[in-house]
Amino acid sequence: MKFTRSLPIFTGLALLLTVSACSDDEPNADIKKDMTMTEKDSKKPSNDLIAKTAEQKRLSASDAPSEVTLTGTIVYKEMEGGFYAFIAENGERYTLRKLDKKFHRNGLIVKVTGMPMPDVMTITQYGTVLQVKSVEILDASRVIGNASSH
């Protein structure tokens, strides 16, 4: 019977502790809020998220890499359904965009002129995309197979 008499006291005490724990009367609450606001105010917005006008886009496009001429080998890669890639003499790898089908020959050594497009993604994910402007065959003696076999 002693337990039933003390039950309302324990219930009241638990309720009092719960209410006091949820209150904003914490002495450091204002300091924490001020620090949070200061931290947010000190951060500067990222330029990546700011919309650009057409003029700004045109100006940033002029900073893009210019046309390049590279010598290397066209190679057939079987990954992602198969595609023709380009490995330059310096070892850099490229996915050739708009390569004429007559140059789809594994092992063909060529001089390629085009525009690197580092911001463009493809399913091949093989090196940098190179928008092909022109191709000059330098050596066809190392071609393996022919275009129809791939």
N, C-alpha and C. Protein backbone atom coordinates (compact mmCIF):
# COMPACT_ATOMS: atom_id res chain seq x y z
N MET A 1 0.80 -1.19 0.00
CA MET A 1 0.00 0.00 0.00
C MET A 1 0.85 1.26 0.00
N LYS A 2 2.02 1.15 0.55
CA LYS A 2 2.90 2.31 0.57
C LYS A 2 3.26 2.74 -0.86
N PHE A 3 3.35 1.76 -1.75
CA PHE A 3 3.72 2.05 -3.13
C PHE A 3 2.63 2.86 -3.83
N THR A 4 1.37 2.54 -3.60
CA THR A 4 0.28 3.26 -4.26
C THR A 4 0.17 4.68 -3.77
N ARG A 5 0.57 4.96 -2.53
CA ARG A 5 0.53 6.33 -2.02
C ARG A 5 1.64 7.18 -2.65
N SER A 6 2.79 6.57 -2.91
CA SER A 6 3.91 7.34 -3.46
C SER A 6 3.86 7.45 -4.99
N LEU A 7 2.99 6.69 -5.65
CA LEU A 7 2.88 6.73 -7.11
C LEU A 7 2.55 8.12 -7.63
N PRO A 8 1.57 8.84 -7.09
CA PRO A 8 1.31 10.20 -7.59
C PRO A 8 2.51 11.14 -7.41
N ILE A 9 3.28 10.93 -6.36
CA ILE A 9 4.45 11.78 -6.13
C ILE A 9 5.50 11.53 -7.22
N PHE A 10 5.76 10.24 -7.52
CA PHE A 10 6.73 9.91 -8.58
C PHE A 10 6.26 10.40 -9.94
N THR A 11 4.98 10.26 -10.21
CA THR A 11 4.42 10.72 -11.48
C THR A 11 4.59 12.23 -11.62
N GLY A 12 4.27 12.95 -10.55
CA GLY A 12 4.41 14.40 -10.57
C GLY A 12 5.85 14.83 -10.75
N LEU A 13 6.77 14.14 -10.08
CA LEU A 13 8.19 14.45 -10.19
C LEU A 13 8.70 14.19 -11.62
N ALA A 14 8.29 13.07 -12.21
CA ALA A 14 8.69 12.74 -13.59
C ALA A 14 8.16 13.78 -14.57
N LEU A 15 6.91 14.21 -14.38
CA LEU A 15 6.31 15.22 -15.24
C LEU A 15 7.06 16.55 -15.12
N LEU A 16 7.42 16.92 -13.90
CA LEU A 16 8.15 18.16 -13.65
C LEU A 16 9.52 18.14 -14.33
N LEU A 17 10.23 17.01 -14.22
CA LEU A 17 11.54 16.89 -14.86
C LEU A 17 11.44 16.94 -16.39
N THR A 18 10.42 16.31 -16.94
CA THR A 18 10.22 16.32 -18.39
C THR A 18 9.96 17.73 -18.90
N VAL A 19 9.10 18.46 -18.22
CA VAL A 19 8.77 19.82 -18.64
C VAL A 19 9.99 20.73 -18.51
N SER A 20 10.73 20.59 -17.44
CA SER A 20 11.90 21.46 -17.25
C SER A 20 13.01 21.15 -18.25
N ALA A 21 13.12 19.90 -18.67
CA ALA A 21 14.15 19.53 -19.64
C ALA A 21 13.86 20.09 -21.01
N CYS A 22 12.59 20.31 -21.33
CA CYS A 22 12.21 20.80 -22.66
C CYS A 22 12.14 22.32 -22.73
N SER A 23 12.36 23.00 -21.64
CA SER A 23 12.23 24.46 -21.66
C SER A 23 13.45 25.11 -22.29
N ASP A 24 13.30 26.37 -22.72
CA ASP A 24 14.39 27.15 -23.30
C ASP A 24 15.10 28.00 -22.26
N ASP A 25 14.95 27.66 -21.01
CA ASP A 25 15.57 28.44 -19.95
C ASP A 25 17.03 28.08 -19.75
N GLU A 26 17.59 27.38 -20.69
CA GLU A 26 19.00 27.01 -20.60
C GLU A 26 19.84 28.28 -20.65
N PRO A 27 20.77 28.46 -19.72
CA PRO A 27 21.53 29.72 -19.67
C PRO A 27 22.38 29.98 -20.91
N ASN A 28 22.83 28.96 -21.61
CA ASN A 28 23.70 29.14 -22.78
C ASN A 28 22.93 29.08 -24.09
N ALA A 29 21.61 29.02 -24.05
CA ALA A 29 20.82 28.89 -25.27
C ALA A 29 21.03 30.08 -26.20
N ASP A 30 21.04 31.31 -25.66
CA ASP A 30 21.22 32.49 -26.50
C ASP A 30 22.62 32.53 -27.11
N ILE A 31 23.61 32.10 -26.37
CA ILE A 31 24.98 32.08 -26.88
C ILE A 31 25.09 31.11 -28.05
N LYS A 32 24.47 29.92 -27.90
CA LYS A 32 24.51 28.94 -28.98
C LYS A 32 23.82 29.46 -30.23
N LYS A 33 22.68 30.14 -30.05
CA LYS A 33 21.98 30.70 -31.20
C LYS A 33 22.83 31.77 -31.88
N ASP A 34 23.48 32.63 -31.08
CA ASP A 34 24.32 33.68 -31.65
C ASP A 34 25.49 33.10 -32.42
N MET A 35 26.11 32.04 -31.88
CA MET A 35 27.24 31.42 -32.56
C MET A 35 26.80 30.80 -33.88
N THR A 36 25.63 30.18 -33.88
CA THR A 36 25.12 29.57 -35.10
C THR A 36 24.88 30.63 -36.16
N MET A 37 24.28 31.72 -35.78
CA MET A 37 24.01 32.79 -36.74
C MET A 37 25.31 33.39 -37.26
N THR A 38 26.30 33.53 -36.40
CA THR A 38 27.59 34.07 -36.83
C THR A 38 28.26 33.15 -37.83
N GLU A 39 28.18 31.84 -37.57
CA GLU A 39 28.79 30.88 -38.48
C GLU A 39 28.13 30.94 -39.84
N LYS A 40 26.81 31.04 -39.87
CA LYS A 40 26.11 31.09 -41.15
C LYS A 40 26.40 32.38 -41.90
N ASP A 41 26.49 33.49 -41.16
CA ASP A 41 26.74 34.77 -41.81
C ASP A 41 28.14 34.84 -42.41
N SER A 42 29.11 34.14 -41.80
CA SER A 42 30.48 34.23 -42.28
C SER A 42 30.73 33.42 -43.54
N LYS A 43 29.83 32.50 -43.86
CA LYS A 43 30.01 31.69 -45.07
C LYS A 43 29.63 32.50 -46.29
N LYS A 44 30.43 32.39 -47.33
CA LYS A 44 30.15 33.09 -48.58
C LYS A 44 29.48 32.13 -49.54
N PRO A 45 28.56 32.61 -50.37
CA PRO A 45 27.89 31.71 -51.32
C PRO A 45 28.87 31.18 -52.35
N SER A 46 28.64 29.95 -52.76
CA SER A 46 29.49 29.32 -53.76
C SER A 46 29.16 29.89 -55.13
N ASN A 47 30.17 30.19 -55.92
CA ASN A 47 29.95 30.71 -57.27
C ASN A 47 29.34 29.68 -58.19
N ASP A 48 29.48 28.38 -57.83
CA ASP A 48 28.93 27.32 -58.67
C ASP A 48 27.41 27.36 -58.70
N LEU A 49 26.79 27.92 -57.66
CA LEU A 49 25.34 27.90 -57.56
C LEU A 49 24.70 29.19 -58.06
N ILE A 50 25.49 30.15 -58.46
CA ILE A 50 24.96 31.42 -58.93
C ILE A 50 24.68 31.32 -60.43
N ALA A 51 23.47 31.71 -60.81
CA ALA A 51 23.08 31.66 -62.22
C ALA A 51 23.91 32.66 -63.02
N LYS A 52 24.26 32.28 -64.24
CA LYS A 52 25.07 33.14 -65.10
C LYS A 52 24.21 33.69 -66.22
N THR A 53 24.49 34.92 -66.61
CA THR A 53 23.81 35.50 -67.75
C THR A 53 24.43 34.96 -69.03
N ALA A 54 23.80 35.21 -70.15
CA ALA A 54 24.32 34.75 -71.44
C ALA A 54 25.69 35.36 -71.71
N GLU A 55 25.88 36.61 -71.32
CA GLU A 55 27.18 37.28 -71.53
C GLU A 55 28.26 36.62 -70.69
N GLN A 56 27.94 36.27 -69.43
CA GLN A 56 28.92 35.60 -68.58
C GLN A 56 29.27 34.23 -69.14
N LYS A 57 28.28 33.52 -69.66
CA LYS A 57 28.54 32.21 -70.25
C LYS A 57 29.44 32.34 -71.47
N ARG A 58 29.20 33.36 -72.30
CA ARG A 58 30.02 33.58 -73.48
C ARG A 58 31.46 33.88 -73.08
N LEU A 59 31.64 34.70 -72.05
CA LEU A 59 32.98 35.05 -71.60
C LEU A 59 33.70 33.84 -71.00
N SER A 60 32.97 33.01 -70.24
CA SER A 60 33.62 31.83 -69.65
C SER A 60 33.92 30.80 -70.73
N ALA A 61 33.14 30.78 -71.81
CA ALA A 61 33.41 29.85 -72.91
C ALA A 61 34.71 30.21 -73.61
N SER A 62 35.06 31.50 -73.61
CA SER A 62 36.32 31.89 -74.25
C SER A 62 37.52 31.41 -73.45
N ASP A 63 37.31 31.06 -72.18
CA ASP A 63 38.39 30.51 -71.36
C ASP A 63 38.57 29.01 -71.59
N ALA A 64 37.67 28.40 -72.34
CA ALA A 64 37.72 26.96 -72.59
C ALA A 64 38.96 26.63 -73.42
N PRO A 65 39.42 25.37 -73.33
CA PRO A 65 40.60 24.99 -74.10
C PRO A 65 40.38 25.16 -75.60
N SER A 66 41.42 25.56 -76.28
CA SER A 66 41.31 25.77 -77.72
C SER A 66 41.55 24.46 -78.46
N GLU A 67 41.44 24.54 -79.75
CA GLU A 67 41.63 23.37 -80.61
C GLU A 67 43.04 22.80 -80.45
N VAL A 68 43.12 21.46 -80.47
CA VAL A 68 44.41 20.79 -80.32
C VAL A 68 44.63 19.84 -81.49
N THR A 69 45.89 19.56 -81.78
CA THR A 69 46.26 18.55 -82.78
C THR A 69 47.13 17.52 -82.07
N LEU A 70 46.69 16.26 -82.13
CA LEU A 70 47.37 15.18 -81.42
C LEU A 70 47.70 14.05 -82.38
N THR A 71 48.80 13.38 -82.12
CA THR A 71 49.17 12.19 -82.87
C THR A 71 49.06 11.00 -81.93
N GLY A 72 48.48 9.90 -82.45
CA GLY A 72 48.33 8.72 -81.61
C GLY A 72 47.64 7.60 -82.36
N THR A 73 47.07 6.66 -81.60
CA THR A 73 46.48 5.46 -82.18
C THR A 73 45.00 5.35 -81.84
N ILE A 74 44.21 5.02 -82.85
CA ILE A 74 42.80 4.72 -82.63
C ILE A 74 42.72 3.25 -82.20
N VAL A 75 42.06 3.00 -81.08
CA VAL A 75 41.96 1.64 -80.56
C VAL A 75 40.49 1.31 -80.29
N TYR A 76 40.16 0.03 -80.49
CA TYR A 76 38.80 -0.43 -80.21
C TYR A 76 38.75 -0.95 -78.79
N LYS A 77 37.80 -0.44 -78.01
CA LYS A 77 37.59 -0.88 -76.63
C LYS A 77 36.27 -1.63 -76.56
N GLU A 78 36.28 -2.81 -75.96
CA GLU A 78 35.08 -3.64 -75.92
C GLU A 78 34.13 -3.29 -74.78
N MET A 79 34.55 -2.45 -73.84
CA MET A 79 33.67 -2.12 -72.72
C MET A 79 32.52 -1.22 -73.17
N GLU A 80 31.43 -1.26 -72.41
CA GLU A 80 30.24 -0.44 -72.68
C GLU A 80 29.69 -0.65 -74.09
N GLY A 81 29.72 -1.86 -74.58
CA GLY A 81 29.16 -2.14 -75.89
C GLY A 81 30.13 -1.94 -77.04
N GLY A 82 31.31 -1.45 -76.76
CA GLY A 82 32.33 -1.26 -77.78
C GLY A 82 32.34 0.15 -78.34
N PHE A 83 33.53 0.71 -78.45
CA PHE A 83 33.68 2.05 -79.02
C PHE A 83 35.14 2.24 -79.45
N TYR A 84 35.37 3.23 -80.29
CA TYR A 84 36.72 3.56 -80.74
C TYR A 84 37.24 4.72 -79.89
N ALA A 85 38.40 4.51 -79.31
CA ALA A 85 39.03 5.52 -78.47
C ALA A 85 40.33 5.97 -79.13
N PHE A 86 40.97 6.94 -78.53
CA PHE A 86 42.22 7.47 -79.06
C PHE A 86 43.21 7.59 -77.92
N ILE A 87 44.40 7.02 -78.12
CA ILE A 87 45.48 7.15 -77.14
C ILE A 87 46.58 7.96 -77.80
N ALA A 88 46.82 9.16 -77.27
CA ALA A 88 47.84 10.05 -77.83
C ALA A 88 49.23 9.53 -77.50
N GLU A 89 50.22 10.02 -78.24
CA GLU A 89 51.61 9.60 -78.01
C GLU A 89 52.08 9.91 -76.59
N ASN A 90 51.52 10.95 -75.98
CA ASN A 90 51.92 11.31 -74.61
C ASN A 90 51.17 10.48 -73.55
N GLY A 91 50.33 9.53 -74.00
CA GLY A 91 49.62 8.65 -73.08
C GLY A 91 48.23 9.11 -72.68
N GLU A 92 47.85 10.32 -73.06
CA GLU A 92 46.52 10.81 -72.72
C GLU A 92 45.47 10.03 -73.51
N ARG A 93 44.31 9.83 -72.87
CA ARG A 93 43.24 9.04 -73.48
C ARG A 93 42.06 9.93 -73.82
N TYR A 94 41.42 9.62 -74.94
CA TYR A 94 40.30 10.43 -75.42
C TYR A 94 39.19 9.52 -75.95
N THR A 95 37.95 9.97 -75.75
CA THR A 95 36.81 9.40 -76.44
C THR A 95 36.54 10.32 -77.61
N LEU A 96 36.58 9.78 -78.83
CA LEU A 96 36.44 10.61 -80.03
C LEU A 96 34.97 10.80 -80.37
N ARG A 97 34.54 12.04 -80.40
CA ARG A 97 33.16 12.37 -80.72
C ARG A 97 33.09 12.80 -82.18
N LYS A 98 32.15 12.22 -82.91
CA LYS A 98 31.93 12.50 -84.33
C LYS A 98 33.11 12.07 -85.19
N LEU A 99 33.68 10.91 -84.86
CA LEU A 99 34.74 10.33 -85.69
C LEU A 99 34.08 9.64 -86.88
N ASP A 100 34.49 10.00 -88.09
CA ASP A 100 33.94 9.40 -89.31
C ASP A 100 34.19 7.89 -89.28
N LYS A 101 33.20 7.11 -89.73
CA LYS A 101 33.28 5.65 -89.70
C LYS A 101 34.46 5.09 -90.49
N LYS A 102 34.94 5.83 -91.49
CA LYS A 102 36.07 5.31 -92.26
C LYS A 102 37.35 5.23 -91.43
N PHE A 103 37.36 5.88 -90.25
CA PHE A 103 38.51 5.82 -89.36
C PHE A 103 38.30 4.84 -88.21
N HIS A 104 37.21 4.09 -88.24
CA HIS A 104 36.93 3.07 -87.22
C HIS A 104 37.78 1.84 -87.51
N ARG A 105 39.07 1.94 -87.25
CA ARG A 105 40.01 0.85 -87.54
C ARG A 105 40.97 0.71 -86.37
N ASN A 106 40.91 -0.43 -85.71
CA ASN A 106 41.73 -0.70 -84.53
C ASN A 106 43.21 -0.73 -84.90
N GLY A 107 44.01 0.14 -84.28
CA GLY A 107 45.45 0.18 -84.54
C GLY A 107 45.87 1.26 -85.52
N LEU A 108 44.93 2.01 -86.06
CA LEU A 108 45.23 3.05 -87.04
C LEU A 108 45.95 4.22 -86.36
N ILE A 109 47.10 4.60 -86.90
CA ILE A 109 47.86 5.73 -86.35
C ILE A 109 47.48 6.98 -87.14
N VAL A 110 47.05 8.00 -86.41
CA VAL A 110 46.50 9.20 -87.05
C VAL A 110 46.97 10.47 -86.34
N LYS A 111 46.73 11.58 -87.05
CA LYS A 111 46.87 12.91 -86.46
C LYS A 111 45.45 13.47 -86.40
N VAL A 112 44.98 13.76 -85.20
CA VAL A 112 43.60 14.23 -84.98
C VAL A 112 43.62 15.68 -84.54
N THR A 113 42.77 16.48 -85.16
CA THR A 113 42.58 17.86 -84.73
C THR A 113 41.16 17.96 -84.20
N GLY A 114 41.02 18.58 -83.04
CA GLY A 114 39.70 18.71 -82.45
C GLY A 114 39.70 19.58 -81.22
N MET A 115 38.53 19.64 -80.61
CA MET A 115 38.31 20.48 -79.44
C MET A 115 38.09 19.59 -78.21
N PRO A 116 38.98 19.66 -77.21
CA PRO A 116 38.75 18.90 -75.98
C PRO A 116 37.50 19.42 -75.26
N MET A 117 36.72 18.51 -74.73
CA MET A 117 35.49 18.86 -74.03
C MET A 117 35.51 18.20 -72.65
N PRO A 118 36.30 18.74 -71.71
CA PRO A 118 36.47 18.09 -70.41
C PRO A 118 35.21 18.05 -69.56
N ASP A 119 34.23 18.91 -69.84
CA ASP A 119 33.00 18.94 -69.05
C ASP A 119 31.93 17.99 -69.57
N VAL A 120 32.18 17.32 -70.69
CA VAL A 120 31.19 16.42 -71.29
C VAL A 120 31.43 15.00 -70.77
N MET A 121 30.34 14.34 -70.37
CA MET A 121 30.42 12.96 -69.88
C MET A 121 29.80 12.03 -70.93
N THR A 122 30.33 10.82 -71.02
CA THR A 122 29.76 9.81 -71.91
C THR A 122 29.62 8.51 -71.13
N ILE A 123 28.92 7.54 -71.72
CA ILE A 123 28.79 6.25 -71.03
C ILE A 123 30.11 5.50 -71.04
N THR A 124 31.01 5.84 -71.95
CA THR A 124 32.29 5.13 -72.01
C THR A 124 33.20 5.51 -70.85
N GLN A 125 33.11 6.74 -70.38
CA GLN A 125 33.95 7.24 -69.29
C GLN A 125 35.43 6.91 -69.53
N TYR A 126 35.87 7.16 -70.74
CA TYR A 126 37.25 6.85 -71.14
C TYR A 126 37.95 8.14 -71.52
N GLY A 127 38.75 8.68 -70.64
CA GLY A 127 39.50 9.88 -70.94
C GLY A 127 38.63 11.10 -71.18
N THR A 128 39.19 12.07 -71.87
CA THR A 128 38.50 13.32 -72.19
C THR A 128 37.79 13.18 -73.53
N VAL A 129 36.60 13.74 -73.63
CA VAL A 129 35.89 13.74 -74.92
C VAL A 129 36.59 14.74 -75.84
N LEU A 130 36.84 14.31 -77.09
CA LEU A 130 37.48 15.17 -78.09
C LEU A 130 36.54 15.27 -79.29
N GLN A 131 36.03 16.47 -79.53
CA GLN A 131 35.16 16.73 -80.69
C GLN A 131 36.06 16.80 -81.92
N VAL A 132 35.96 15.81 -82.80
CA VAL A 132 36.86 15.68 -83.95
C VAL A 132 36.51 16.69 -85.04
N LYS A 133 37.53 17.42 -85.50
CA LYS A 133 37.39 18.34 -86.63
C LYS A 133 37.96 17.72 -87.89
N SER A 134 39.16 17.12 -87.76
CA SER A 134 39.79 16.49 -88.93
C SER A 134 40.70 15.35 -88.47
N VAL A 135 40.90 14.40 -89.39
CA VAL A 135 41.76 13.25 -89.11
C VAL A 135 42.65 13.03 -90.32
N GLU A 136 43.94 12.80 -90.06
CA GLU A 136 44.89 12.49 -91.13
C GLU A 136 45.54 11.15 -90.79
N ILE A 137 45.44 10.19 -91.73
CA ILE A 137 46.05 8.87 -91.51
C ILE A 137 47.55 8.98 -91.69
N LEU A 138 48.30 8.50 -90.69
CA LEU A 138 49.76 8.50 -90.76
C LEU A 138 50.31 7.12 -91.07
N ASP A 139 49.67 6.06 -90.52
CA ASP A 139 50.17 4.70 -90.72
C ASP A 139 49.01 3.72 -90.55
N ALA A 140 48.70 2.99 -91.62
CA ALA A 140 47.62 2.00 -91.57
C ALA A 140 48.16 0.58 -91.50
N SER A 141 49.49 0.42 -91.43
CA SER A 141 50.08 -0.92 -91.46
C SER A 141 49.85 -1.70 -90.16
N ARG A 142 49.47 -1.04 -89.09
CA ARG A 142 49.28 -1.72 -87.81
C ARG A 142 47.81 -1.99 -87.49
N VAL A 143 46.95 -1.80 -88.47
CA VAL A 143 45.51 -2.03 -88.25
C VAL A 143 45.27 -3.51 -88.01
N ILE A 144 44.49 -3.79 -86.96
CA ILE A 144 44.14 -5.17 -86.60
C ILE A 144 42.69 -5.41 -87.01
N GLY A 145 42.45 -6.38 -87.88
CA GLY A 145 41.08 -6.65 -88.34
C GLY A 145 40.58 -5.52 -89.20
N ASN A 146 39.24 -5.43 -89.29
CA ASN A 146 38.65 -4.32 -90.04
C ASN A 146 37.43 -3.80 -89.30
N ALA A 147 36.87 -2.71 -89.77
CA ALA A 147 35.77 -2.05 -89.09
C ALA A 147 34.53 -2.93 -89.00
N SER A 148 34.30 -3.78 -89.99
CA SER A 148 33.08 -4.59 -89.98
C SER A 148 33.11 -5.68 -88.92
N SER A 149 34.30 -6.04 -88.40
CA SER A 149 34.38 -7.08 -87.39
C SER A 149 34.03 -6.57 -86.00
N HIS A 150 33.90 -5.26 -85.86
CA HIS A 150 33.59 -4.70 -84.54
C HIS A 150 32.22 -4.13 -84.58
